[in-house]
C-alpha atoms as a PDB file:
ATOM      1  CA  UNK A   1       0.009   0.165   0.259  1.00  0.00           C
ATOM      2  CA  UNK A   2       1.296   3.389  -0.538  1.00  0.00           C
ATOM      3  CA  UNK A   3       2.103   5.092   2.689  1.00  0.00           C
ATOM      4  CA  UNK A   4       0.030   8.686   3.323  1.00  0.00           C
ATOM      5  CA  UNK A   5       3.441  10.497   4.627  1.00  0.00           C
ATOM      6  CA  UNK A   6       5.415  10.300   1.126  1.00  0.00           C
ATOM      7  CA  UNK A   7       2.289  12.492  -0.279  1.00  0.00           C
ATOM      8  CA  UNK A   8       1.917  14.714   2.470  1.00  0.00           C
ATOM      9  CA  UNK A   9       1.747  18.400   2.102  1.00  0.00           C
ATOM     10  CA  UNK A  10       0.162  20.980   4.263  1.00  0.00           C
ATOM     11  CA  UNK A  11      -1.504  24.147   3.513  1.00  0.00           C
ATOM     12  CA  UNK A  12      -1.947  27.257   5.945  1.00  0.00           C
ATOM     13  CA  UNK A  13      -1.709  24.314   8.913  1.00  0.00           C
ATOM     14  CA  UNK A  14      -3.884  21.803   7.331  1.00  0.00           C
ATOM     15  CA  UNK A  15      -2.054  18.347   6.467  1.00  0.00           C
ATOM     16  CA  UNK A  16      -2.810  17.230   2.592  1.00  0.00           C
ATOM     17  CA  UNK A  17      -2.335  13.734   0.995  1.00  0.00           C
ATOM     18  CA  UNK A  18      -1.898  14.151  -2.551  1.00  0.00           C
ATOM     19  CA  UNK A  19      -1.058  10.668  -4.138  1.00  0.00           C
ATOM     20  CA  UNK A  20      -3.450   9.924  -7.241  1.00  0.00           C
ATOM     21  CA  UNK A  21      -2.074  11.193 -10.835  1.00  0.00           C
ATOM     22  CA  UNK A  22      -5.086  12.819 -11.506  1.00  0.00           C
ATOM     23  CA  UNK A  23      -4.867  14.690  -7.863  1.00  0.00           C
ATOM     24  CA  UNK A  24      -1.154  15.854  -8.412  1.00  0.00           C
ATOM     25  CA  UNK A  25      -2.189  17.030 -11.943  1.00  0.00           C
ATOM     26  CA  UNK A  26      -4.898  19.128  -9.999  1.00  0.00           C
ATOM     27  CA  UNK A  27      -2.961  20.491  -7.494  1.00  0.00           C
ATOM     28  CA  UNK A  28      -0.549  21.795 -10.650  1.00  0.00           C
ATOM     29  CA  UNK A  29      -3.086  23.625 -11.961  1.00  0.00           C
ATOM     30  CA  UNK A  30      -3.947  25.062  -8.533  1.00  0.00           C
ATOM     31  CA  UNK A  31      -0.615  26.379  -8.147  1.00  0.00           C
ATOM     32  CA  UNK A  32      -1.112  28.216 -11.626  1.00  0.00           C
ATOM     33  CA  UNK A  33      -4.237  29.372 -10.793  1.00  0.00           C
ATOM     34  CA  UNK A  34      -2.821  30.629  -7.532  1.00  0.00           C
ATOM     35  CA  UNK A  35      -0.160  32.828  -9.594  1.00  0.00           C
ATOM     36  CA  UNK A  36      -3.032  34.876 -11.079  1.00  0.00           C
ATOM     37  CA  UNK A  37      -4.729  37.435  -9.341  1.00  0.00           C
ATOM     38  CA  UNK A  38      -8.136  36.589 -10.352  1.00  0.00           C
ATOM     39  CA  UNK A  39     -11.043  35.157  -8.518  1.00  0.00           C
ATOM     40  CA  UNK A  40     -11.791  31.785  -8.085  1.00  0.00           C
ATOM     41  CA  UNK A  41     -14.897  29.954  -7.748  1.00  0.00           C
ATOM     42  CA  UNK A  42     -14.316  26.108  -6.148  1.00  0.00           C
ATOM     43  CA  UNK A  43     -17.280  23.938  -6.865  1.00  0.00           C
ATOM     44  CA  UNK A  44     -17.571  20.289  -5.544  1.00  0.00           C
ATOM     45  CA  UNK A  45     -19.588  18.230  -3.059  1.00  0.00           C
ATOM     46  CA  UNK A  46     -19.701  18.582   0.362  1.00  0.00           C
ATOM     47  CA  UNK A  47     -16.589  17.353   2.029  1.00  0.00           C
ATOM     48  CA  UNK A  48     -14.802  16.786  -1.036  1.00  0.00           C
ATOM     49  CA  UNK A  49     -11.992  19.231  -0.091  1.00  0.00           C
ATOM     50  CA  UNK A  50     -12.979  22.683  -1.358  1.00  0.00           C
ATOM     51  CA  UNK A  51     -11.338  24.457   1.793  1.00  0.00           C
ATOM     52  CA  UNK A  52      -8.188  22.764   1.211  1.00  0.00           C
ATOM     53  CA  UNK A  53      -7.925  24.009  -2.385  1.00  0.00           C
ATOM     54  CA  UNK A  54      -8.466  27.374  -1.650  1.00  0.00           C
ATOM     55  CA  UNK A  55      -5.869  27.308   1.223  1.00  0.00           C
ATOM     56  CA  UNK A  56      -3.177  25.933  -1.442  1.00  0.00           C
ATOM     57  CA  UNK A  57      -4.407  28.991  -3.703  1.00  0.00           C
ATOM     58  CA  UNK A  58      -3.313  31.305  -0.969  1.00  0.00           C
ATOM     59  CA  UNK A  59      -0.339  29.059   0.261  1.00  0.00           C
ATOM     60  CA  UNK A  60       0.873  29.576  -3.715  1.00  0.00           C
ATOM     61  CA  UNK A  61       0.187  32.870  -4.255  1.00  0.00           C
ATOM     62  CA  UNK A  62       2.273  35.892  -4.484  1.00  0.00           C
ATOM     63  CA  UNK A  63      -0.001  36.959  -1.729  1.00  0.00           C
ATOM     64  CA  UNK A  64       1.054  34.046   0.612  1.00  0.00           C
ATOM     65  CA  UNK A  65       2.637  36.360   3.460  1.00  0.00           C
ATOM     66  CA  UNK A  66      -0.187  38.337   3.653  1.00  0.00           C
ATOM     67  CA  UNK A  67      -3.477  37.564   6.033  1.00  0.00           C
ATOM     68  CA  UNK A  68      -5.822  34.727   5.192  1.00  0.00           C
ATOM     69  CA  UNK A  69      -8.968  35.143   6.259  1.00  0.00           C
ATOM     70  CA  UNK A  70     -12.267  32.762   5.682  1.00  0.00           C
ATOM     71  CA  UNK A  71     -16.033  32.685   6.344  1.00  0.00           C
ATOM     72  CA  UNK A  72     -18.714  30.361   6.205  1.00  0.00           C
ATOM     73  CA  UNK A  73     -21.952  32.307   3.985  1.00  0.00           C
ATOM     74  CA  UNK A  74     -23.976  29.908   5.968  1.00  0.00           C
ATOM     75  CA  UNK A  75     -22.750  30.410   9.554  1.00  0.00           C
ATOM     76  CA  UNK A  76     -24.002  33.518  10.209  1.00  0.00           C
ATOM     77  CA  UNK A  77     -27.706  35.301   9.895  1.00  0.00           C
ATOM     78  CA  UNK A  78     -28.510  37.648   7.237  1.00  0.00           C
ATOM     79  CA  UNK A  79     -28.414  40.653   9.843  1.00  0.00           C
ATOM     80  CA  UNK A  80     -24.709  40.127  10.848  1.00  0.00           C
ATOM     81  CA  UNK A  81     -23.270  39.239   7.572  1.00  0.00           C
ATOM     82  CA  UNK A  82     -22.842  42.866   6.880  1.00  0.00           C
ATOM     83  CA  UNK A  83     -21.045  43.776   9.648  1.00  0.00           C
ATOM     84  CA  UNK A  84     -18.699  40.823  10.033  1.00  0.00           C
ATOM     85  CA  UNK A  85     -17.664  41.263   6.257  1.00  0.00           C
ATOM     86  CA  UNK A  86     -17.752  44.992   6.217  1.00  0.00           C
ATOM     87  CA  UNK A  87     -17.356  46.131   9.924  1.00  0.00           C
ATOM     88  CA  UNK A  88     -18.829  49.246  11.647  1.00  0.00           C
ATOM     89  CA  UNK A  89     -17.934  52.179  13.279  1.00  0.00           C
ATOM     90  CA  UNK A  90     -18.644  53.256  17.133  1.00  0.00           C
ATOM     91  CA  UNK A  91     -22.055  53.875  17.664  1.00  0.00           C
ATOM     92  CA  UNK A  92     -23.384  52.237  14.110  1.00  0.00           C
ATOM     93  CA  UNK A  93     -26.195  50.457  16.483  1.00  0.00           C
ATOM     94  CA  UNK A  94     -26.863  49.661  20.131  1.00  0.00           C
ATOM     95  CA  UNK A  95     -24.096  47.816  21.533  1.00  0.00           C
ATOM     96  CA  UNK A  96     -21.488  49.171  18.875  1.00  0.00           C
ATOM     97  CA  UNK A  97     -19.070  50.294  21.861  1.00  0.00           C
ATOM     98  CA  UNK A  98     -16.181  50.461  19.812  1.00  0.00           C
ATOM     99  CA  UNK A  99     -15.342  50.506  15.944  1.00  0.00           C
ATOM    100  CA  UNK A 100     -14.598  46.712  14.372  1.00  0.00           C
ATOM    101  CA  UNK A 101     -12.573  46.294  11.120  1.00  0.00           C
ATOM    102  CA  UNK A 102     -14.786  43.969   8.818  1.00  0.00           C
ATOM    103  CA  UNK A 103     -13.276  40.539   7.321  1.00  0.00           C
ATOM    104  CA  UNK A 104     -12.170  42.127   3.856  1.00  0.00           C
ATOM    105  CA  UNK A 105     -10.323  45.174   5.646  1.00  0.00           C
ATOM    106  CA  UNK A 106      -8.513  42.436   7.816  1.00  0.00           C
ATOM    107  CA  UNK A 107      -7.582  40.651   4.734  1.00  0.00           C
ATOM    108  CA  UNK A 108      -6.257  43.666   2.922  1.00  0.00           C
ATOM    109  CA  UNK A 109      -3.583  42.544   0.375  1.00  0.00           C
ATOM    110  CA  UNK A 110      -4.234  38.856   1.131  1.00  0.00           C
ATOM    111  CA  UNK A 111      -7.191  36.475   0.375  1.00  0.00           C
ATOM    112  CA  UNK A 112     -10.760  36.016   1.643  1.00  0.00           C
ATOM    113  CA  UNK A 113     -12.184  32.675   1.174  1.00  0.00           C
ATOM    114  CA  UNK A 114     -16.021  33.064   1.223  1.00  0.00           C
ATOM    115  CA  UNK A 115     -17.160  29.286   1.698  1.00  0.00           C
ATOM    116  CA  UNK A 116     -20.647  28.308   1.371  1.00  0.00           C
ATOM    117  CA  UNK A 117     -21.483  31.455  -1.614  1.00  0.00           C
ATOM    118  CA  UNK A 118     -24.294  30.003  -2.632  1.00  0.00           C
ATOM    119  CA  UNK A 119     -26.099  30.506   0.855  1.00  0.00           C
ATOM    120  CA  UNK A 120     -25.430  34.686   0.475  1.00  0.00           C
ATOM    121  CA  UNK A 121     -28.587  36.559   0.645  1.00  0.00           C
ATOM    122  CA  UNK A 122     -29.422  38.637  -2.653  1.00  0.00           C
ATOM    123  CA  UNK A 123     -28.963  41.849  -0.482  1.00  0.00           C
ATOM    124  CA  UNK A 124     -25.589  40.786   0.344  1.00  0.00           C
ATOM    125  CA  UNK A 125     -25.037  39.502  -3.177  1.00  0.00           C
ATOM    126  CA  UNK A 126     -25.532  43.490  -4.435  1.00  0.00           C
ATOM    127  CA  UNK A 127     -22.909  44.958  -1.933  1.00  0.00           C
ATOM    128  CA  UNK A 128     -20.278  41.761  -2.425  1.00  0.00           C
ATOM    129  CA  UNK A 129     -20.814  42.506  -6.122  1.00  0.00           C
ATOM    130  CA  UNK A 130     -19.576  46.206  -5.764  1.00  0.00           C
ATOM    131  CA  UNK A 131     -16.703  45.208  -3.545  1.00  0.00           C
ATOM    132  CA  UNK A 132     -15.395  42.780  -6.025  1.00  0.00           C
ATOM    133  CA  UNK A 133     -15.496  45.388  -8.489  1.00  0.00           C
ATOM    134  CA  UNK A 134     -13.040  47.715  -6.506  1.00  0.00           C
ATOM    135  CA  UNK A 135     -15.450  50.288  -5.336  1.00  0.00           C
ATOM    136  CA  UNK A 136     -14.827  51.550  -1.935  1.00  0.00           C
ATOM    137  CA  UNK A 137     -17.417  51.240   0.617  1.00  0.00           C
ATOM    138  CA  UNK A 138     -18.679  51.869   3.911  1.00  0.00           C
ATOM    139  CA  UNK A 139     -18.110  50.283   7.532  1.00  0.00           C
ATOM    140  CA  UNK A 140     -21.787  50.507   8.938  1.00  0.00           C
ATOM    141  CA  UNK A 141     -22.253  54.107  10.660  1.00  0.00           C
ATOM    142  CA  UNK A 142     -19.173  55.354   8.658  1.00  0.00           C
ATOM    143  CA  UNK A 143     -18.818  58.657   7.139  1.00  0.00           C
ATOM    144  CA  UNK A 144     -15.745  57.715   5.362  1.00  0.00           C
ATOM    145  CA  UNK A 145     -15.157  55.041   2.748  1.00  0.00           C
ATOM    146  CA  UNK A 146     -12.803  51.892   3.003  1.00  0.00           C
ATOM    147  CA  UNK A 147     -10.616  50.788   0.153  1.00  0.00           C
ATOM    148  CA  UNK A 148      -9.088  47.358   0.064  1.00  0.00           C
ATOM    149  CA  UNK A 149      -7.327  45.106  -2.157  1.00  0.00           C
ATOM    150  CA  UNK A 150      -8.236  41.450  -1.226  1.00  0.00           C
ATOM    151  CA  UNK A 151      -8.298  38.541  -3.884  1.00  0.00           C
ATOM    152  CA  UNK A 152     -11.557  36.774  -3.175  1.00  0.00           C
ATOM    153  CA  UNK A 153     -11.658  32.792  -3.433  1.00  0.00           C
ATOM    154  CA  UNK A 154     -15.443  31.553  -3.273  1.00  0.00           C
ATOM    155  CA  UNK A 155     -16.635  28.074  -2.963  1.00  0.00           C
ATOM    156  CA  UNK A 156     -19.834  26.423  -3.270  1.00  0.00           C
ATOM    157  CA  UNK A 157     -21.365  22.649  -3.453  1.00  0.00           C
ATOM    158  CA  UNK A 158     -24.504  24.145  -5.585  1.00  0.00           C
ATOM    159  CA  UNK A 159     -24.405  24.283  -9.324  1.00  0.00           C
ATOM    160  CA  UNK A 160     -24.566  28.124  -9.392  1.00  0.00           C
ATOM    161  CA  UNK A 161     -24.904  28.346 -13.059  1.00  0.00           C
ATOM    162  CA  UNK A 162     -28.615  26.505 -12.373  1.00  0.00           C
ATOM    163  CA  UNK A 163     -29.116  28.969  -9.388  1.00  0.00           C
ATOM    164  CA  UNK A 164     -28.482  32.215 -11.726  1.00  0.00           C
ATOM    165  CA  UNK A 165     -31.313  30.632 -14.081  1.00  0.00           C
ATOM    166  CA  UNK A 166     -33.752  30.041 -11.404  1.00  0.00           C
ATOM    167  CA  UNK A 167     -33.422  33.783 -10.291  1.00  0.00           C
ATOM    168  CA  UNK A 168     -31.793  32.795  -6.772  1.00  0.00           C
ATOM    169  CA  UNK A 169     -27.865  34.350  -7.749  1.00  0.00           C
ATOM    170  CA  UNK A 170     -27.104  37.216  -9.496  1.00  0.00           C
ATOM    171  CA  UNK A 171     -25.443  36.504 -12.689  1.00  0.00           C
ATOM    172  CA  UNK A 172     -23.284  39.340 -12.889  1.00  0.00           C
ATOM    173  CA  UNK A 173     -21.968  38.284  -9.488  1.00  0.00           C
ATOM    174  CA  UNK A 174     -21.516  34.555 -10.768  1.00  0.00           C
ATOM    175  CA  UNK A 175     -19.421  35.702 -13.668  1.00  0.00           C
ATOM    176  CA  UNK A 176     -17.323  38.285 -11.214  1.00  0.00           C
ATOM    177  CA  UNK A 177     -16.586  35.078  -8.965  1.00  0.00           C
ATOM    178  CA  UNK A 178     -15.760  32.952 -11.628  1.00  0.00           C
ATOM    179  CA  UNK A 179     -13.222  34.247 -13.505  1.00  0.00           C
ATOM    180  CA  UNK A 180     -11.373  31.216 -12.871  1.00  0.00           C
ATOM    181  CA  UNK A 181     -12.955  28.261 -12.076  1.00  0.00           C
ATOM    182  CA  UNK A 182     -11.943  24.868 -10.190  1.00  0.00           C
ATOM    183  CA  UNK A 183     -14.294  21.677  -9.621  1.00  0.00           C
ATOM    184  CA  UNK A 184     -12.790  19.150  -7.082  1.00  0.00           C
ATOM    185  CA  UNK A 185     -14.025  15.585  -7.876  1.00  0.00           C
ATOM    186  CA  UNK A 186     -15.758  13.425  -5.129  1.00  0.00           C
ATOM    187  CA  UNK A 187     -13.838  10.998  -3.675  1.00  0.00           C
ATOM    188  CA  UNK A 188     -15.586   8.251  -5.751  1.00  0.00           C
ATOM    189  CA  UNK A 189     -13.665   9.703  -9.127  1.00  0.00           C
ATOM    190  CA  UNK A 190     -10.261   9.546  -7.105  1.00  0.00           C
ATOM    191  CA  UNK A 191     -10.258   5.867  -5.941  1.00  0.00           C
ATOM    192  CA  UNK A 192      -6.516   5.657  -5.704  1.00  0.00           C
ATOM    193  CA  UNK A 193      -6.596   8.522  -3.192  1.00  0.00           C
ATOM    194  CA  UNK A 194      -8.909   6.186  -0.580  1.00  0.00           C
ATOM    195  CA  UNK A 195      -6.204   3.758   0.991  1.00  0.00           C
ATOM    196  CA  UNK A 196      -3.598   6.712   1.353  1.00  0.00           C
ATOM    197  CA  UNK A 197      -5.914   8.946   2.904  1.00  0.00           C
ATOM    198  CA  UNK A 198      -7.498   6.399   4.987  1.00  0.00           C
ATOM    199  CA  UNK A 199      -4.267   5.258   6.340  1.00  0.00           C
ATOM    200  CA  UNK A 200      -2.958   8.963   6.809  1.00  0.00           C
ATOM    201  CA  UNK A 201      -6.484   9.615   9.054  1.00  0.00           C
ATOM    202  CA  UNK A 202      -5.429   5.740  10.881  1.00  0.00           C
ATOM    203  CA  UNK A 203      -2.052   6.928  11.749  1.00  0.00           C
ATOM    204  CA  UNK A 204      -3.418  10.042  13.482  1.00  0.00           C
ATOM    205  CA  UNK A 205      -5.233   7.601  16.041  1.00  0.00           C
ATOM    206  CA  UNK A 206      -2.255   5.302  16.358  1.00  0.00           C
ATOM    207  CA  UNK A 207       0.366   4.205  14.153  1.00  0.00           C
ATOM    208  CA  UNK A 208       0.327   0.638  15.520  1.00  0.00           C
ATOM    209  CA  UNK A 209      -3.071   0.082  13.581  1.00  0.00           C
ATOM    210  CA  UNK A 210      -3.340  -1.362  10.106  1.00  0.00           C
ATOM    211  CA  UNK A 211      -6.241  -2.420   7.737  1.00  0.00           C
ATOM    212  CA  UNK A 212      -6.876  -5.867   7.203  1.00  0.00           C
ATOM    213  CA  UNK A 213      -7.094  -7.005   3.128  1.00  0.00           C
ATOM    214  CA  UNK A 214     -11.148  -7.189   3.828  1.00  0.00           C
ATOM    215  CA  UNK A 215     -11.275  -3.332   5.397  1.00  0.00           C
ATOM    216  CA  UNK A 216      -8.923  -2.496   2.365  1.00  0.00           C
ATOM    217  CA  UNK A 217     -11.517  -3.733   0.361  1.00  0.00           C
ATOM    218  CA  UNK A 218     -14.811  -2.359   1.617  1.00  0.00           C
ATOM    219  CA  UNK A 219     -13.178   1.031   1.782  1.00  0.00           C
ATOM    220  CA  UNK A 220     -12.225   0.831  -2.240  1.00  0.00           C
ATOM    221  CA  UNK A 221     -15.595  -0.809  -2.804  1.00  0.00           C
ATOM    222  CA  UNK A 222     -17.677   2.169  -1.076  1.00  0.00           C
ATOM    223  CA  UNK A 223     -18.757   5.373  -3.176  1.00  0.00           C
ATOM    224  CA  UNK A 224     -18.235   7.595  -0.107  1.00  0.00           C
ATOM    225  CA  UNK A 225     -21.129  10.210  -0.788  1.00  0.00           C
ATOM    226  CA  UNK A 226     -19.813  12.249   2.480  1.00  0.00           C
ATOM    227  CA  UNK A 227     -16.162  12.070   0.890  1.00  0.00           C
ATOM    228  CA  UNK A 228     -13.116  12.922   2.905  1.00  0.00           C
ATOM    229  CA  UNK A 229     -15.115  14.225   5.779  1.00  0.00           C
ATOM    230  CA  UNK A 230     -17.188  10.770   5.816  1.00  0.00           C
ATOM    231  CA  UNK A 231     -13.782   8.716   5.204  1.00  0.00           C
ATOM    232  CA  UNK A 232     -12.117  10.468   8.200  1.00  0.00           C
ATOM    233  CA  UNK A 233     -15.145   9.700  10.508  1.00  0.00           C
ATOM    234  CA  UNK A 234     -15.080   6.082   9.475  1.00  0.00           C
ATOM    235  CA  UNK A 235     -11.847   5.787  10.116  1.00  0.00           C
ATOM    236  CA  UNK A 236     -11.950   7.567  13.542  1.00  0.00           C
ATOM    237  CA  UNK A 237     -14.788   5.488  14.857  1.00  0.00           C
ATOM    238  CA  UNK A 238     -12.975   1.993  13.713  1.00  0.00           C
ATOM    239  CA  UNK A 239      -9.760   3.269  15.105  1.00  0.00           C
ATOM    240  CA  UNK A 240     -11.473   3.729  18.921  1.00  0.00           C
ATOM    241  CA  UNK A 241     -13.637   1.011  18.661  1.00  0.00           C
ATOM    242  CA  UNK A 242     -11.440  -1.885  17.028  1.00  0.00           C
ATOM    243  CA  UNK A 243     -10.537  -5.062  19.164  1.00  0.00           C
ATOM    244  CA  UNK A 244      -6.785  -5.270  18.297  1.00  0.00           C
ATOM    245  CA  UNK A 245      -4.175  -3.266  16.024  1.00  0.00           C
ATOM    246  CA  UNK A 246      -6.142  -5.063  12.867  1.00  0.00           C
ATOM    247  CA  UNK A 247      -8.823  -3.091  11.294  1.00  0.00           C
ATOM    248  CA  UNK A 248     -11.317  -5.492   9.899  1.00  0.00           C
ATOM    249  CA  UNK A 249     -14.294  -4.767   7.338  1.00  0.00           C
ATOM    250  CA  UNK A 250     -16.479  -5.464  10.661  1.00  0.00           C
ATOM    251  CA  UNK A 251     -14.926  -2.258  12.335  1.00  0.00           C
ATOM    252  CA  UNK A 252     -15.836   0.117   9.682  1.00  0.00           C
ATOM    253  CA  UNK A 253     -19.389  -0.286  10.059  1.00  0.00           C
ATOM    254  CA  UNK A 254     -19.885   0.937   6.626  1.00  0.00           C
ATOM    255  CA  UNK A 255     -23.512   0.712   4.999  1.00  0.00           C
ATOM    256  CA  UNK A 256     -23.201  -1.475   1.672  1.00  0.00           C
ATOM    257  CA  UNK A 257     -25.643   0.472  -0.876  1.00  0.00           C
ATOM    258  CA  UNK A 258     -26.753  -1.523  -3.732  1.00  0.00           C
ATOM    259  CA  UNK A 259     -26.701   1.224  -5.971  1.00  0.00           C
ATOM    260  CA  UNK A 260     -22.746   1.422  -5.525  1.00  0.00           C
ATOM    261  CA  UNK A 261     -22.345  -0.716  -8.464  1.00  0.00           C
ATOM    262  CA  UNK A 262     -19.455   1.238 -10.334  1.00  0.00           C
ATOM    263  CA  UNK A 263     -17.350   1.048  -6.906  1.00  0.00           C
ATOM    264  CA  UNK A 264     -18.113  -2.755  -6.765  1.00  0.00           C
ATOM    265  CA  UNK A 265     -16.804  -3.040 -10.416  1.00  0.00           C
ATOM    266  CA  UNK A 266     -13.189  -2.515  -9.062  1.00  0.00           C
ATOM    267  CA  UNK A 267     -13.266  -5.272  -7.012  1.00  0.00           C
ATOM    268  CA  UNK A 268     -14.149  -7.693  -9.205  1.00  0.00           C
ATOM    269  CA  UNK A 269     -12.082  -9.748 -12.055  1.00  0.00           C
ATOM    270  CA  UNK A 270     -11.552  -8.035 -15.649  1.00  0.00           C
ATOM    271  CA  UNK A 271     -13.837 -10.456 -17.079  1.00  0.00           C
ATOM    272  CA  UNK A 272     -17.076  -9.031 -18.079  1.00  0.00           C
ATOM    273  CA  UNK A 273     -19.543  -8.945 -15.331  1.00  0.00           C
ATOM    274  CA  UNK A 274     -23.344  -6.858 -15.698  1.00  0.00           C
ATOM    275  CA  UNK A 275     -24.233  -4.759 -13.346  1.00  0.00           C
ATOM    276  CA  UNK A 276     -27.192  -6.967 -12.493  1.00  0.00           C
ATOM    277  CA  UNK A 277     -25.011  -9.728 -11.601  1.00  0.00           C
ATOM    278  CA  UNK A 278     -22.998  -7.121  -9.545  1.00  0.00           C
ATOM    279  CA  UNK A 279     -25.975  -6.665  -7.562  1.00  0.00           C
ATOM    280  CA  UNK A 280     -26.884 -10.067  -6.891  1.00  0.00           C
ATOM    281  CA  UNK A 281     -23.350 -11.034  -6.104  1.00  0.00           C
ATOM    282  CA  UNK A 282     -23.351  -8.079  -3.339  1.00  0.00           C
ATOM    283  CA  UNK A 283     -26.744  -8.846  -2.138  1.00  0.00           C
ATOM    284  CA  UNK A 284     -25.907 -12.694  -1.749  1.00  0.00           C
ATOM    285  CA  UNK A 285     -22.762 -11.700  -0.083  1.00  0.00           C
ATOM    286  CA  UNK A 286     -24.466  -9.629   2.609  1.00  0.00           C
ATOM    287  CA  UNK A 287     -26.950 -12.056   3.067  1.00  0.00           C
ATOM    288  CA  UNK A 288     -24.489 -14.579   3.751  1.00  0.00           C
ATOM    289  CA  UNK A 289     -22.543 -12.292   6.395  1.00  0.00           C
ATOM    290  CA  UNK A 290     -25.953 -11.996   8.226  1.00  0.00           C
ATOM    291  CA  UNK A 291     -26.544 -15.577   8.569  1.00  0.00           C
ATOM    292  CA  UNK A 292     -29.437 -15.248   6.075  1.00  0.00           C
ATOM    293  CA  UNK A 293     -31.255 -12.341   8.305  1.00  0.00           C
ATOM    294  CA  UNK A 294     -33.181 -10.739   5.872  1.00  0.00           C
ATOM    295  CA  UNK A 295     -33.880  -7.079   7.967  1.00  0.00           C
ATOM    296  CA  UNK A 296     -30.158  -6.788   9.288  1.00  0.00           C
ATOM    297  CA  UNK A 297     -29.188  -7.598   5.246  1.00  0.00           C
ATOM    298  CA  UNK A 298     -31.105  -4.991   3.830  1.00  0.00           C
ATOM    299  CA  UNK A 299     -30.167  -2.127   6.787  1.00  0.00           C
ATOM    300  CA  UNK A 300     -26.604  -3.135   5.394  1.00  0.00           C
ATOM    301  CA  UNK A 301     -27.360  -3.158   1.909  1.00  0.00           C
ATOM    302  CA  UNK A 302     -29.301   0.703   2.291  1.00  0.00           C
ATOM    303  CA  UNK A 303     -32.730  -1.165   1.487  1.00  0.00           C
ATOM    304  CA  UNK A 304     -36.229  -1.565   2.416  1.00  0.00           C
ATOM    305  CA  UNK A 305     -36.748  -5.269   3.847  1.00  0.00           C
ATOM    306  CA  UNK A 306     -39.397  -5.353   0.767  1.00  0.00           C
ATOM    307  CA  UNK A 307     -37.189  -4.688  -1.756  1.00  0.00           C
ATOM    308  CA  UNK A 308     -34.874  -7.146  -0.712  1.00  0.00           C
ATOM    309  CA  UNK A 309     -37.410  -9.806  -0.617  1.00  0.00           C
ATOM    310  CA  UNK A 310     -38.488  -8.929  -4.388  1.00  0.00           C
ATOM    311  CA  UNK A 311     -34.802  -9.245  -5.596  1.00  0.00           C
ATOM    312  CA  UNK A 312     -34.551 -12.429  -3.824  1.00  0.00           C
ATOM    313  CA  UNK A 313     -37.738 -13.836  -5.505  1.00  0.00           C
ATOM    314  CA  UNK A 314     -36.557 -12.530  -8.528  1.00  0.00           C
ATOM    315  CA  UNK A 315     -33.244 -14.251  -8.419  1.00  0.00           C
ATOM    316  CA  UNK A 316     -34.805 -17.814  -7.332  1.00  0.00           C
ATOM    317  CA  UNK A 317     -37.234 -17.081 -10.103  1.00  0.00           C
ATOM    318  CA  UNK A 318     -34.202 -16.864 -12.504  1.00  0.00           C
ATOM    319  CA  UNK A 319     -32.703 -20.122 -11.039  1.00  0.00           C
ATOM    320  CA  UNK A 320     -35.394 -22.099 -11.329  1.00  0.00           C
ATOM    321  CA  UNK A 321     -35.591 -20.883 -15.332  1.00  0.00           C
ATOM    322  CA  UNK A 322     -32.296 -21.479 -16.005  1.00  0.00           C
ATOM    323  CA  UNK A 323     -32.341 -24.798 -14.467  1.00  0.00           C
END
């Protein structure tokens, strides 16, 4: 197996394991993007590593020795977002006992990362667009404008082009944010990284622990809808609850989804196998592991007991017709 530390990097204090050739090429692209001064929009599924990419952009950029400021646009209510981004002067509102610079001021000459940008409400989208266009702005309650020089990197797990067509996101802001675009592939599209990442997460718990072959196969065969975040949680749980140093398949407590057929195809031989055969083999394997207990097997497979019974009857009928 590949050892994670051989491909380990660090971006602003966050470790990154980059091992798959496709991701080595991807981070080479990130490094080129970092050298520009344009805004960057990073898209990808939740947990796929968008923040890490944003940190890498700052790390490789000419602004790397300047401030890095990050904010989740979903973490604050609308009425606090403006004061957080743009700051306020003393007396601007009840409780404003002192002046406070906004995040854009704190990021001056550096990078500001706006995560979950798709959650930004329409009014704030308008204000943000003006700042991105280089216009000076007022702090809340201020009489003098503030001018900043900031590179904006934004991230979203939404399809912002669809959001624009639906009228939920400003088209001009979308085009301003997406001067350069990067799509972070989900973990299921970079399976070569699953084991190195899993070994890295496992080593964070204990360097004495290791994966047995059946556990490694299960990690590779799962689709990881929660991406890196889910992988880290699964490995951490297994490390805590495993009986010994060897992590076995059962320790992972992974749901075995019938829909995870693409992943399963990586674990079978190179001879042609139909998707129906893959599904049938997976179901029968799980049923065997549960000693024929259909409800437990259905739970592991992520399907209902009724669906499982229907499929088993179909397999039985097919067996009779083939005999």
